[in-house]
Amino acid sequence: MIRQHVTALSSVIALLAMVPAQATAQGVTPKTPWGHPDLQGTYTNKTTTPLQRPEDLANREFLTAEEVATREQAALARNADLLQAAAQKTAVGGNVGAYNNFWLDGGTRPTGRTSLIFEPANGRLPALTPEAERVRAAAREARHEADTWGDLELNDRCLIWQAGPPMLPSAYNNNFMIMQTPDYVAIQVEMIHDTRIIPLDGRGHIPPDVRQWNGDMRGHWEGETLVIETTNLPRTEANAAAVGGDPILLRAANGRSDDTVTVTERITRVDADTLNYEFIIEDPTTWTQSIKGEFPMLRLPAEELLYEYACHEGNYSMEGILGGERTLELEGKR
């Protein structure tokens, strides 16, 4: 049964109950009682703006206001058409497909940009280095189909998905709860129940050979902006399919351990209901240049809650996935 997602640090929640929201004066960012900019709240990053700019838009960075309105109306019309479409019966033995539109919630409004990425200037992922091309080709050649549980991606195994960094929009569950104390910022992620814990006390990063699924996060304030630097992210090209629909491939496991990726995020409160979220990805062994992007995160209406993501109901489907592969092997199809 769907229930409100209340998993978080009990100390943080207890402190939140003591911190009433401060009124936002014109041009002044509200502060917490201890003086930090107040970013607290529940936000969504859903948007129809793609990560990479469509090639037919070339070097156009922004849409016109008319194009934004037209695209939003087209998305609303498509949702209405799909909602009212007649049910279609799947033929016996046919492909049942994936989720229908009822389960998806990627938003209807563009950000105003033609892509989330704005650097490189063409709005697309940069070229891979020769080493990254070689590693990726070797991984594709060596890939097996579910020989063991370790051949499945972390999202298949219900361990992690779109937690970030960077916290990119996905097809659904694009909601985030930000909580603050004087020494930490916690970001509760709706997708697969992760909570990012970001210390603000100036401590250094852990040794590079210690890997964590969400990386090693360190935060500090630059004026009104929260800056989060993440290192120690696990990497692999073995799971070359994009994890959680994210072609940046920062959250796969079972692979490389060299410390090459640094992700820097900048979160700034724009007004009472909007945060501006920027990300920079630097990985000189994978891409020929850094990647920069940004998008708004909008406060959720009071009636929208953060829900538990009960992935695969405890991932009982793992037995079925592996069992299906063994059946195909017995039938000589693998």
C-alpha atoms as a PDB file:
ATOM      1  CA  MET A   1       0.000   0.000   0.000  1.00  0.00           C
ATOM      2  CA  ILE A   2       1.343   3.430  -0.889  1.00  0.00           C
ATOM      3  CA  ARG A   3       2.192   5.451   2.146  1.00  0.00           C
ATOM      4  CA  GLN A   4       3.898   8.735   2.801  1.00  0.00           C
ATOM      5  CA  HIS A   5       7.684   8.386   2.779  1.00  0.00           C
ATOM      6  CA  VAL A   6       8.873   9.299   6.243  1.00  0.00           C
ATOM      7  CA  THR A   7      12.296   7.651   6.266  1.00  0.00           C
ATOM      8  CA  ALA A   8      14.884  10.255   7.293  1.00  0.00           C
ATOM      9  CA  LEU A   9      17.265  11.095  10.061  1.00  0.00           C
ATOM     10  CA  SER A  10      15.187  11.358  13.207  1.00  0.00           C
ATOM     11  CA  SER A  11      17.386  14.132  14.571  1.00  0.00           C
ATOM     12  CA  VAL A  12      16.979  16.176  11.409  1.00  0.00           C
ATOM     13  CA  ILE A  13      13.201  15.792  11.427  1.00  0.00           C
ATOM     14  CA  ALA A  14      13.040  16.698  15.098  1.00  0.00           C
ATOM     15  CA  LEU A  15      15.002  19.837  14.402  1.00  0.00           C
ATOM     16  CA  LEU A  16      12.812  20.685  11.404  1.00  0.00           C
ATOM     17  CA  ALA A  17       9.769  20.714  13.640  1.00  0.00           C
ATOM     18  CA  MET A  18      11.422  23.522  15.582  1.00  0.00           C
ATOM     19  CA  VAL A  19      12.268  25.611  12.483  1.00  0.00           C
ATOM     20  CA  PRO A  20       9.240  27.468  11.091  1.00  0.00           C
ATOM     21  CA  ALA A  21       9.565  28.751   7.541  1.00  0.00           C
ATOM     22  CA  GLN A  22      10.580  32.392   7.454  1.00  0.00           C
ATOM     23  CA  ALA A  23       8.798  34.847   5.209  1.00  0.00           C
ATOM     24  CA  THR A  24      10.630  35.561   1.967  1.00  0.00           C
ATOM     25  CA  ALA A  25      11.257  39.281   1.640  1.00  0.00           C
ATOM     26  CA  GLN A  26      11.688  40.675  -1.844  1.00  0.00           C
ATOM     27  CA  GLY A  27      15.240  39.898  -2.973  1.00  0.00           C
ATOM     28  CA  VAL A  28      16.269  38.431   0.399  1.00  0.00           C
ATOM     29  CA  THR A  29      16.906  34.712   0.912  1.00  0.00           C
ATOM     30  CA  PRO A  30      15.310  33.502   4.164  1.00  0.00           C
ATOM     31  CA  LYS A  31      17.734  32.133   6.713  1.00  0.00           C
ATOM     32  CA  THR A  32      17.661  29.309   9.233  1.00  0.00           C
ATOM     33  CA  PRO A  33      17.967  30.273  12.927  1.00  0.00           C
ATOM     34  CA  TRP A  34      21.706  29.508  12.685  1.00  0.00           C
ATOM     35  CA  GLY A  35      22.166  31.832   9.680  1.00  0.00           C
ATOM     36  CA  HIS A  36      22.424  29.539   6.651  1.00  0.00           C
ATOM     37  CA  PRO A  37      20.237  30.141   3.576  1.00  0.00           C
ATOM     38  CA  ASP A  38      17.017  28.167   4.072  1.00  0.00           C
ATOM     39  CA  LEU A  39      16.595  25.643   1.246  1.00  0.00           C
ATOM     40  CA  GLN A  40      14.249  23.354   3.169  1.00  0.00           C
ATOM     41  CA  GLY A  41      11.169  21.920   1.541  1.00  0.00           C
ATOM     42  CA  THR A  42       9.962  19.301  -0.906  1.00  0.00           C
ATOM     43  CA  TYR A  43      10.764  19.978  -4.545  1.00  0.00           C
ATOM     44  CA  THR A  44      10.472  18.367  -7.983  1.00  0.00           C
ATOM     45  CA  ASN A  45      12.855  18.551 -10.934  1.00  0.00           C
ATOM     46  CA  LYS A  46      10.524  17.009 -13.528  1.00  0.00           C
ATOM     47  CA  THR A  47      10.676  18.629 -16.943  1.00  0.00           C
ATOM     48  CA  THR A  48      10.270  17.721 -20.597  1.00  0.00           C
ATOM     49  CA  THR A  49      13.602  19.355 -21.425  1.00  0.00           C
ATOM     50  CA  PRO A  50      16.015  16.595 -22.519  1.00  0.00           C
ATOM     51  CA  LEU A  51      19.472  16.098 -21.053  1.00  0.00           C
ATOM     52  CA  GLN A  52      21.052  16.551 -24.493  1.00  0.00           C
ATOM     53  CA  ARG A  53      19.999  19.089 -27.102  1.00  0.00           C
ATOM     54  CA  PRO A  54      18.265  17.625 -30.165  1.00  0.00           C
ATOM     55  CA  GLU A  55      20.631  17.865 -33.101  1.00  0.00           C
ATOM     56  CA  ASP A  56      18.100  19.763 -35.208  1.00  0.00           C
ATOM     57  CA  LEU A  57      18.315  22.666 -32.726  1.00  0.00           C
ATOM     58  CA  ALA A  58      22.051  22.931 -33.317  1.00  0.00           C
ATOM     59  CA  ASN A  59      23.477  25.733 -31.154  1.00  0.00           C
ATOM     60  CA  ARG A  60      20.153  27.213 -29.993  1.00  0.00           C
ATOM     61  CA  GLU A  61      20.416  27.371 -26.204  1.00  0.00           C
ATOM     62  CA  PHE A  62      16.942  28.709 -25.394  1.00  0.00           C
ATOM     63  CA  LEU A  63      13.350  28.272 -26.549  1.00  0.00           C
ATOM     64  CA  THR A  64      11.092  31.241 -27.147  1.00  0.00           C
ATOM     65  CA  ALA A  65       8.201  31.844 -24.728  1.00  0.00           C
ATOM     66  CA  GLU A  66       5.829  30.761 -27.505  1.00  0.00           C
ATOM     67  CA  GLU A  67       7.738  27.506 -28.012  1.00  0.00           C
ATOM     68  CA  VAL A  68       7.629  26.782 -24.277  1.00  0.00           C
ATOM     69  CA  ALA A  69       3.845  27.266 -24.229  1.00  0.00           C
ATOM     70  CA  THR A  70       3.366  25.180 -27.393  1.00  0.00           C
ATOM     71  CA  ARG A  71       5.433  22.293 -26.074  1.00  0.00           C
ATOM     72  CA  GLU A  72       3.685  22.319 -22.729  1.00  0.00           C
ATOM     73  CA  GLN A  73       0.281  22.249 -24.417  1.00  0.00           C
ATOM     74  CA  ALA A  74       1.416  19.379 -26.653  1.00  0.00           C
ATOM     75  CA  ALA A  75       2.499  17.376 -23.595  1.00  0.00           C
ATOM     76  CA  LEU A  76      -0.823  18.031 -21.853  1.00  0.00           C
ATOM     77  CA  ALA A  77      -2.741  17.009 -24.985  1.00  0.00           C
ATOM     78  CA  ARG A  78      -0.718  13.819 -25.340  1.00  0.00           C
ATOM     79  CA  ASN A  79      -1.384  12.874 -21.713  1.00  0.00           C
ATOM     80  CA  ALA A  80      -5.126  13.460 -22.215  1.00  0.00           C
ATOM     81  CA  ASP A  81      -5.176  11.378 -25.395  1.00  0.00           C
ATOM     82  CA  LEU A  82      -3.353   8.486 -23.736  1.00  0.00           C
ATOM     83  CA  LEU A  83      -5.629   8.634 -20.691  1.00  0.00           C
ATOM     84  CA  GLN A  84      -8.721   8.366 -22.871  1.00  0.00           C
ATOM     85  CA  ALA A  85      -7.327   5.779 -25.303  1.00  0.00           C
ATOM     86  CA  ALA A  86      -9.114   2.448 -25.492  1.00  0.00           C
ATOM     87  CA  ALA A  87      -7.473  -0.536 -23.834  1.00  0.00           C
ATOM     88  CA  GLN A  88      -5.594  -2.887 -26.144  1.00  0.00           C
ATOM     89  CA  LYS A  89      -5.440  -6.583 -25.435  1.00  0.00           C
ATOM     90  CA  THR A  90      -2.025  -8.190 -25.729  1.00  0.00           C
ATOM     91  CA  ALA A  91      -1.904 -11.265 -27.941  1.00  0.00           C
ATOM     92  CA  VAL A  92      -0.929 -14.525 -26.249  1.00  0.00           C
ATOM     93  CA  GLY A  93       2.839 -14.728 -26.230  1.00  0.00           C
ATOM     94  CA  GLY A  94       3.144 -11.108 -27.286  1.00  0.00           C
ATOM     95  CA  ASN A  95       5.281  -8.382 -25.778  1.00  0.00           C
ATOM     96  CA  VAL A  96       3.434  -6.850 -22.837  1.00  0.00           C
ATOM     97  CA  GLY A  97       5.633  -3.746 -23.026  1.00  0.00           C
ATOM     98  CA  ALA A  98       6.610  -1.509 -20.123  1.00  0.00           C
ATOM     99  CA  TYR A  99       4.699   0.945 -17.943  1.00  0.00           C
ATOM    100  CA  ASN A 100       1.892   2.810 -19.642  1.00  0.00           C
ATOM    101  CA  ASN A 101       1.543   6.576 -19.361  1.00  0.00           C
ATOM    102  CA  PHE A 102      -0.482   6.335 -16.116  1.00  0.00           C
ATOM    103  CA  TRP A 103       2.676   5.410 -14.207  1.00  0.00           C
ATOM    104  CA  LEU A 104       4.940   8.054 -15.732  1.00  0.00           C
ATOM    105  CA  ASP A 105       5.381  11.555 -14.345  1.00  0.00           C
ATOM    106  CA  GLY A 106       8.098  13.328 -16.267  1.00  0.00           C
ATOM    107  CA  GLY A 107       6.310  16.665 -16.231  1.00  0.00           C
ATOM    108  CA  THR A 108       4.815  18.706 -19.047  1.00  0.00           C
ATOM    109  CA  ARG A 109       6.771  21.965 -19.003  1.00  0.00           C
ATOM    110  CA  PRO A 110      10.189  22.696 -20.583  1.00  0.00           C
ATOM    111  CA  THR A 111      12.721  24.655 -18.558  1.00  0.00           C
ATOM    112  CA  GLY A 112      13.123  27.226 -21.339  1.00  0.00           C
ATOM    113  CA  ARG A 113      16.457  25.774 -22.408  1.00  0.00           C
ATOM    114  CA  THR A 114      16.754  23.353 -25.322  1.00  0.00           C
ATOM    115  CA  SER A 115      18.734  20.931 -23.127  1.00  0.00           C
ATOM    116  CA  LEU A 116      19.741  20.539 -19.498  1.00  0.00           C
ATOM    117  CA  ILE A 117      23.373  20.560 -20.635  1.00  0.00           C
ATOM    118  CA  PHE A 118      24.672  23.967 -21.688  1.00  0.00           C
ATOM    119  CA  GLU A 119      28.381  23.117 -21.858  1.00  0.00           C
ATOM    120  CA  PRO A 120      29.679  21.876 -24.304  1.00  0.00           C
ATOM    121  CA  ALA A 121      28.092  24.718 -26.268  1.00  0.00           C
ATOM    122  CA  ASN A 122      26.173  22.292 -28.510  1.00  0.00           C
ATOM    123  CA  GLY A 123      24.255  21.047 -25.452  1.00  0.00           C
ATOM    124  CA  ARG A 124      25.403  17.457 -25.901  1.00  0.00           C
ATOM    125  CA  LEU A 125      27.714  15.071 -24.064  1.00  0.00           C
ATOM    126  CA  PRO A 126      31.324  15.568 -25.189  1.00  0.00           C
ATOM    127  CA  ALA A 127      33.317  12.995 -27.112  1.00  0.00           C
ATOM    128  CA  LEU A 128      34.778  10.064 -25.215  1.00  0.00           C
ATOM    129  CA  THR A 129      38.530   9.766 -24.782  1.00  0.00           C
ATOM    130  CA  PRO A 130      40.259   6.929 -26.703  1.00  0.00           C
ATOM    131  CA  GLU A 131      40.696   5.064 -23.389  1.00  0.00           C
ATOM    132  CA  ALA A 132      36.988   5.347 -22.581  1.00  0.00           C
ATOM    133  CA  GLU A 133      36.063   4.152 -26.082  1.00  0.00           C
ATOM    134  CA  ARG A 134      38.303   1.111 -25.603  1.00  0.00           C
ATOM    135  CA  VAL A 135      36.894   0.303 -22.156  1.00  0.00           C
ATOM    136  CA  ARG A 136      33.307   0.661 -23.339  1.00  0.00           C
ATOM    137  CA  ALA A 137      33.854  -1.543 -26.408  1.00  0.00           C
ATOM    138  CA  ALA A 138      35.535  -4.235 -24.287  1.00  0.00           C
ATOM    139  CA  ALA A 139      32.671  -4.148 -21.792  1.00  0.00           C
ATOM    140  CA  ARG A 140      30.054  -4.594 -24.533  1.00  0.00           C
ATOM    141  CA  GLU A 141      31.996  -7.555 -25.888  1.00  0.00           C
ATOM    142  CA  ALA A 142      32.251  -9.212 -22.458  1.00  0.00           C
ATOM    143  CA  ARG A 143      28.676  -8.642 -21.334  1.00  0.00           C
ATOM    144  CA  HIS A 144      26.586 -11.674 -20.365  1.00  0.00           C
ATOM    145  CA  GLU A 145      22.856 -12.030 -19.887  1.00  0.00           C
ATOM    146  CA  ALA A 146      22.120 -12.512 -16.178  1.00  0.00           C
ATOM    147  CA  ASP A 147      24.555 -15.342 -15.505  1.00  0.00           C
ATOM    148  CA  THR A 148      24.500 -14.260 -11.854  1.00  0.00           C
ATOM    149  CA  TRP A 149      22.888 -11.517  -9.785  1.00  0.00           C
ATOM    150  CA  GLY A 150      26.096  -9.533 -10.236  1.00  0.00           C
ATOM    151  CA  ASP A 151      25.407  -9.149 -13.968  1.00  0.00           C
ATOM    152  CA  LEU A 152      22.344  -7.032 -13.239  1.00  0.00           C
ATOM    153  CA  GLU A 153      22.511  -3.283 -12.728  1.00  0.00           C
ATOM    154  CA  LEU A 154      22.068  -1.732  -9.319  1.00  0.00           C
ATOM    155  CA  ASN A 155      18.612  -0.443 -10.289  1.00  0.00           C
ATOM    156  CA  ASP A 156      17.592  -3.992 -11.334  1.00  0.00           C
ATOM    157  CA  ARG A 157      18.743  -5.115  -7.900  1.00  0.00           C
ATOM    158  CA  CYS A 158      16.751  -2.334  -6.195  1.00  0.00           C
ATOM    159  CA  LEU A 159      19.791  -0.846  -4.521  1.00  0.00           C
ATOM    160  CA  ILE A 160      20.141   2.610  -6.040  1.00  0.00           C
ATOM    161  CA  TRP A 161      18.879   4.730  -8.940  1.00  0.00           C
ATOM    162  CA  GLN A 162      18.493   8.480  -9.488  1.00  0.00           C
ATOM    163  CA  ALA A 163      19.840   9.632  -6.141  1.00  0.00           C
ATOM    164  CA  GLY A 164      22.609  11.625  -7.736  1.00  0.00           C
ATOM    165  CA  PRO A 165      24.931  13.198  -8.194  1.00  0.00           C
ATOM    166  CA  PRO A 166      23.852  14.806 -10.390  1.00  0.00           C
ATOM    167  CA  MET A 167      20.151  14.690  -9.475  1.00  0.00           C
ATOM    168  CA  LEU A 168      18.771  14.445 -13.018  1.00  0.00           C
ATOM    169  CA  PRO A 169      15.084  14.177 -13.942  1.00  0.00           C
ATOM    170  CA  SER A 170      13.742  10.721 -14.750  1.00  0.00           C
ATOM    171  CA  ALA A 171      10.449   9.231 -15.949  1.00  0.00           C
ATOM    172  CA  TYR A 172       8.853   9.345 -12.484  1.00  0.00           C
ATOM    173  CA  ASN A 173       9.580   9.820  -8.764  1.00  0.00           C
ATOM    174  CA  ASN A 174      11.311  13.141  -9.465  1.00  0.00           C
ATOM    175  CA  ASN A 175      10.796  14.524  -5.948  1.00  0.00           C
ATOM    176  CA  PHE A 176      13.304  15.543  -3.293  1.00  0.00           C
ATOM    177  CA  MET A 177      13.023  16.678   0.342  1.00  0.00           C
ATOM    178  CA  ILE A 178      15.793  18.973   1.601  1.00  0.00           C
ATOM    179  CA  MET A 179      16.466  19.164   5.352  1.00  0.00           C
ATOM    180  CA  GLN A 180      19.123  21.172   7.190  1.00  0.00           C
ATOM    181  CA  THR A 181      20.948  21.329  10.501  1.00  0.00           C
ATOM    182  CA  PRO A 182      23.898  23.592  11.350  1.00  0.00           C
ATOM    183  CA  ASP A 183      26.345  20.808  10.401  1.00  0.00           C
ATOM    184  CA  TYR A 184      24.553  18.786   7.698  1.00  0.00           C
ATOM    185  CA  VAL A 185      22.227  18.989   4.725  1.00  0.00           C
ATOM    186  CA  ALA A 186      20.145  15.882   4.028  1.00  0.00           C
ATOM    187  CA  ILE A 187      18.404  15.311   0.686  1.00  0.00           C
ATOM    188  CA  GLN A 188      15.743  12.613   0.773  1.00  0.00           C
ATOM    189  CA  VAL A 189      15.288  11.163  -2.729  1.00  0.00           C
ATOM    190  CA  GLU A 190      11.946   9.670  -3.731  1.00  0.00           C
ATOM    191  CA  MET A 191      13.492   7.303  -6.298  1.00  0.00           C
ATOM    192  CA  ILE A 192      14.528   4.089  -4.529  1.00  0.00           C
ATOM    193  CA  HIS A 193      14.495   5.619  -1.047  1.00  0.00           C
ATOM    194  CA  ASP A 194      18.020   7.095  -0.836  1.00  0.00           C
ATOM    195  CA  THR A 195      19.051   9.881   1.508  1.00  0.00           C
ATOM    196  CA  ARG A 196      22.122  11.940   0.678  1.00  0.00           C
ATOM    197  CA  ILE A 197      23.934  13.101   3.855  1.00  0.00           C
ATOM    198  CA  ILE A 198      26.193  16.101   3.186  1.00  0.00           C
ATOM    199  CA  PRO A 199      28.493  17.325   5.999  1.00  0.00           C
ATOM    200  CA  LEU A 200      29.260  21.055   6.179  1.00  0.00           C
ATOM    201  CA  ASP A 201      32.039  20.982   8.775  1.00  0.00           C
ATOM    202  CA  GLY A 202      35.016  21.250   6.431  1.00  0.00           C
ATOM    203  CA  ARG A 203      36.218  17.651   6.792  1.00  0.00           C
ATOM    204  CA  GLY A 204      38.354  16.255   3.943  1.00  0.00           C
ATOM    205  CA  HIS A 205      37.317  13.512   1.526  1.00  0.00           C
ATOM    206  CA  ILE A 206      37.834   9.870   2.483  1.00  0.00           C
ATOM    207  CA  PRO A 207      40.697   7.910   0.820  1.00  0.00           C
ATOM    208  CA  PRO A 208      40.132   7.415  -2.931  1.00  0.00           C
ATOM    209  CA  ASP A 209      40.123   3.611  -2.680  1.00  0.00           C
ATOM    210  CA  VAL A 210      36.960   3.712  -0.508  1.00  0.00           C
ATOM    211  CA  ARG A 211      33.963   3.714  -2.869  1.00  0.00           C
ATOM    212  CA  GLN A 212      30.376   4.630  -1.989  1.00  0.00           C
ATOM    213  CA  TRP A 213      27.319   4.273  -4.233  1.00  0.00           C
ATOM    214  CA  ASN A 214      26.413   7.957  -3.853  1.00  0.00           C
ATOM    215  CA  GLY A 215      30.052   9.008  -3.619  1.00  0.00           C
ATOM    216  CA  ASP A 216      31.765  10.959  -0.842  1.00  0.00           C
ATOM    217  CA  MET A 217      29.916  14.279  -0.476  1.00  0.00           C
ATOM    218  CA  ARG A 218      31.247  17.466   1.096  1.00  0.00           C
ATOM    219  CA  GLY A 219      29.327  20.739   1.270  1.00  0.00           C
ATOM    220  CA  HIS A 220      30.007  24.397   1.970  1.00  0.00           C
ATOM    221  CA  TRP A 221      28.300  27.738   1.458  1.00  0.00           C
ATOM    222  CA  GLU A 222      29.385  30.321  -1.084  1.00  0.00           C
ATOM    223  CA  GLY A 223      27.210  33.308  -0.249  1.00  0.00           C
ATOM    224  CA  GLU A 224      23.602  32.204  -0.771  1.00  0.00           C
ATOM    225  CA  THR A 225      24.585  29.025  -2.663  1.00  0.00           C
ATOM    226  CA  LEU A 226      25.075  25.513  -1.270  1.00  0.00           C
ATOM    227  CA  VAL A 227      28.039  23.896  -3.053  1.00  0.00           C
ATOM    228  CA  ILE A 228      28.372  20.093  -2.922  1.00  0.00           C
ATOM    229  CA  GLU A 229      31.499  18.343  -4.187  1.00  0.00           C
ATOM    230  CA  THR A 230      31.303  14.577  -4.664  1.00  0.00           C
ATOM    231  CA  THR A 231      34.212  12.205  -5.296  1.00  0.00           C
ATOM    232  CA  ASN A 232      34.792   8.458  -4.754  1.00  0.00           C
ATOM    233  CA  LEU A 233      31.964   7.443  -7.079  1.00  0.00           C
ATOM    234  CA  PRO A 234      32.007   3.817  -8.265  1.00  0.00           C
ATOM    235  CA  ARG A 235      32.357   3.449 -12.017  1.00  0.00           C
ATOM    236  CA  THR A 236      32.030   0.753 -14.651  1.00  0.00           C
ATOM    237  CA  GLU A 237      31.327   0.443 -18.343  1.00  0.00           C
ATOM    238  CA  ALA A 238      30.272  -3.185 -17.912  1.00  0.00           C
ATOM    239  CA  ASN A 239      26.710  -2.060 -17.296  1.00  0.00           C
ATOM    240  CA  ALA A 240      26.740   0.116 -20.388  1.00  0.00           C
ATOM    241  CA  ALA A 241      22.974   0.626 -20.409  1.00  0.00           C
ATOM    242  CA  ALA A 242      22.197   3.927 -18.734  1.00  0.00           C
ATOM    243  CA  VAL A 243      21.351   3.459 -15.075  1.00  0.00           C
ATOM    244  CA  GLY A 244      17.920   4.874 -14.408  1.00  0.00           C
ATOM    245  CA  GLY A 245      17.838   6.362 -17.901  1.00  0.00           C
ATOM    246  CA  ASP A 246      20.949   8.412 -17.115  1.00  0.00           C
ATOM    247  CA  PRO A 247      23.549   8.211 -19.921  1.00  0.00           C
ATOM    248  CA  ILE A 248      26.138   9.808 -17.675  1.00  0.00           C
ATOM    249  CA  LEU A 249      26.594   6.372 -16.067  1.00  0.00           C
ATOM    250  CA  LEU A 250      27.712   7.511 -12.628  1.00  0.00           C
ATOM    251  CA  ARG A 251      25.844   5.002 -10.516  1.00  0.00           C
ATOM    252  CA  ALA A 252      26.773   1.544 -11.819  1.00  0.00           C
ATOM    253  CA  ALA A 253      28.876  -0.864  -9.747  1.00  0.00           C
ATOM    254  CA  ASN A 254      31.208  -3.866 -10.079  1.00  0.00           C
ATOM    255  CA  GLY A 255      33.824  -2.078 -12.159  1.00  0.00           C
ATOM    256  CA  ARG A 256      36.600   0.508 -12.237  1.00  0.00           C
ATOM    257  CA  SER A 257      37.926   1.872  -8.984  1.00  0.00           C
ATOM    258  CA  ASP A 258      40.209   4.641 -10.218  1.00  0.00           C
ATOM    259  CA  ASP A 259      39.154   8.009  -8.877  1.00  0.00           C
ATOM    260  CA  THR A 260      38.391  10.007 -12.010  1.00  0.00           C
ATOM    261  CA  VAL A 261      34.971  11.578 -11.468  1.00  0.00           C
ATOM    262  CA  THR A 262      34.203  14.774  -9.564  1.00  0.00           C
ATOM    263  CA  VAL A 263      30.669  16.182  -9.532  1.00  0.00           C
ATOM    264  CA  THR A 264      30.042  19.695  -8.243  1.00  0.00           C
ATOM    265  CA  GLU A 265      26.470  20.811  -7.552  1.00  0.00           C
ATOM    266  CA  ARG A 266      25.290  24.332  -6.753  1.00  0.00           C
ATOM    267  CA  ILE A 267      21.840  24.898  -5.215  1.00  0.00           C
ATOM    268  CA  THR A 268      20.534  28.447  -4.870  1.00  0.00           C
ATOM    269  CA  ARG A 269      17.124  29.591  -3.677  1.00  0.00           C
ATOM    270  CA  VAL A 270      15.629  31.875  -6.350  1.00  0.00           C
ATOM    271  CA  ASP A 271      12.291  32.640  -4.693  1.00  0.00           C
ATOM    272  CA  ALA A 272       9.850  31.118  -2.207  1.00  0.00           C
ATOM    273  CA  ASP A 273       9.049  28.192  -4.514  1.00  0.00           C
ATOM    274  CA  THR A 274      12.112  27.749  -6.730  1.00  0.00           C
ATOM    275  CA  LEU A 275      15.656  26.447  -6.390  1.00  0.00           C
ATOM    276  CA  ASN A 276      18.198  26.748  -9.186  1.00  0.00           C
ATOM    277  CA  TYR A 277      20.231  23.540  -9.539  1.00  0.00           C
ATOM    278  CA  GLU A 278      23.549  23.517 -11.411  1.00  0.00           C
ATOM    279  CA  PHE A 279      25.916  20.607 -11.967  1.00  0.00           C
ATOM    280  CA  ILE A 280      29.450  20.227 -13.303  1.00  0.00           C
ATOM    281  CA  ILE A 281      30.884  16.798 -14.126  1.00  0.00           C
ATOM    282  CA  GLU A 282      34.634  16.453 -14.568  1.00  0.00           C
ATOM    283  CA  ASP A 283      36.075  13.113 -15.665  1.00  0.00           C
ATOM    284  CA  PRO A 284      39.206  13.550 -17.816  1.00  0.00           C
ATOM    285  CA  THR A 285      39.670   9.818 -18.393  1.00  0.00           C
ATOM    286  CA  THR A 286      36.164   9.470 -19.850  1.00  0.00           C
ATOM    287  CA  TRP A 287      35.247  12.731 -21.608  1.00  0.00           C
ATOM    288  CA  THR A 288      37.332  15.191 -23.583  1.00  0.00           C
ATOM    289  CA  GLN A 289      35.869  18.126 -21.622  1.00  0.00           C
ATOM    290  CA  SER A 290      33.747  18.851 -18.572  1.00  0.00           C
ATOM    291  CA  ILE A 291      29.927  18.834 -18.644  1.00  0.00           C
ATOM    292  CA  LYS A 292      27.780  21.626 -17.212  1.00  0.00           C
ATOM    293  CA  GLY A 293      24.019  21.902 -16.899  1.00  0.00           C
ATOM    294  CA  GLU A 294      21.215  23.486 -14.901  1.00  0.00           C
ATOM    295  CA  PHE A 295      17.476  23.376 -14.318  1.00  0.00           C
ATOM    296  CA  PRO A 296      14.937  24.647 -11.752  1.00  0.00           C
ATOM    297  CA  MET A 297      13.558  22.602  -8.870  1.00  0.00           C
ATOM    298  CA  LEU A 298      10.012  23.705  -7.996  1.00  0.00           C
ATOM    299  CA  ARG A 299       8.332  23.383  -4.605  1.00  0.00           C
ATOM    300  CA  LEU A 300       5.653  20.707  -4.598  1.00  0.00           C
ATOM    301  CA  PRO A 301       2.059  21.730  -3.825  1.00  0.00           C
ATOM    302  CA  ALA A 302       0.946  20.860  -0.296  1.00  0.00           C
ATOM    303  CA  GLU A 303      -1.258  18.014  -1.543  1.00  0.00           C
ATOM    304  CA  GLU A 304       1.689  16.233  -3.209  1.00  0.00           C
ATOM    305  CA  LEU A 305       3.758  14.071  -0.900  1.00  0.00           C
ATOM    306  CA  LEU A 306       7.011  12.142  -1.069  1.00  0.00           C
ATOM    307  CA  TYR A 307       6.071   8.463  -1.351  1.00  0.00           C
ATOM    308  CA  GLU A 308       7.883   5.266  -0.571  1.00  0.00           C
ATOM    309  CA  TYR A 309       9.413   3.588  -3.608  1.00  0.00           C
ATOM    310  CA  ALA A 310       8.971  -0.111  -2.786  1.00  0.00           C
ATOM    311  CA  CYS A 311      11.216  -1.350  -5.567  1.00  0.00           C
ATOM    312  CA  HIS A 312      10.164  -4.784  -6.796  1.00  0.00           C
ATOM    313  CA  GLU A 313       8.489  -5.376  -3.412  1.00  0.00           C
ATOM    314  CA  GLY A 314      11.865  -6.280  -1.944  1.00  0.00           C
ATOM    315  CA  ASN A 315      13.180  -7.432  -5.319  1.00  0.00           C
ATOM    316  CA  TYR A 316      11.515 -10.838  -5.192  1.00  0.00           C
ATOM    317  CA  SER A 317      11.702 -10.771  -8.993  1.00  0.00           C
ATOM    318  CA  MET A 318      15.437 -11.540  -8.912  1.00  0.00           C
ATOM    319  CA  GLU A 319      14.695 -15.254  -8.648  1.00  0.00           C
ATOM    320  CA  GLY A 320      12.408 -15.023 -11.667  1.00  0.00           C
ATOM    321  CA  ILE A 321      14.958 -13.106 -13.758  1.00  0.00           C
ATOM    322  CA  LEU A 322      17.717 -15.630 -13.082  1.00  0.00           C
ATOM    323  CA  GLY A 323      15.327 -18.561 -13.419  1.00  0.00           C
ATOM    324  CA  GLY A 324      14.207 -17.289 -16.822  1.00  0.00           C
ATOM    325  CA  GLU A 325      17.826 -17.156 -18.010  1.00  0.00           C
ATOM    326  CA  ARG A 326      18.418 -20.728 -16.871  1.00  0.00           C
ATOM    327  CA  THR A 327      15.303 -21.845 -18.786  1.00  0.00           C
ATOM    328  CA  LEU A 328      16.571 -20.140 -21.949  1.00  0.00           C
ATOM    329  CA  GLU A 329      19.909 -21.875 -21.508  1.00  0.00           C
ATOM    330  CA  LEU A 330      18.226 -25.287 -21.222  1.00  0.00           C
ATOM    331  CA  GLU A 331      16.300 -24.517 -24.396  1.00  0.00           C
ATOM    332  CA  GLY A 332      19.542 -23.657 -26.178  1.00  0.00           C
ATOM    333  CA  LYS A 333      18.600 -20.008 -26.610  1.00  0.00           C
ATOM    334  CA  ARG A 334      21.566 -18.670 -24.648  1.00  0.00           C
END
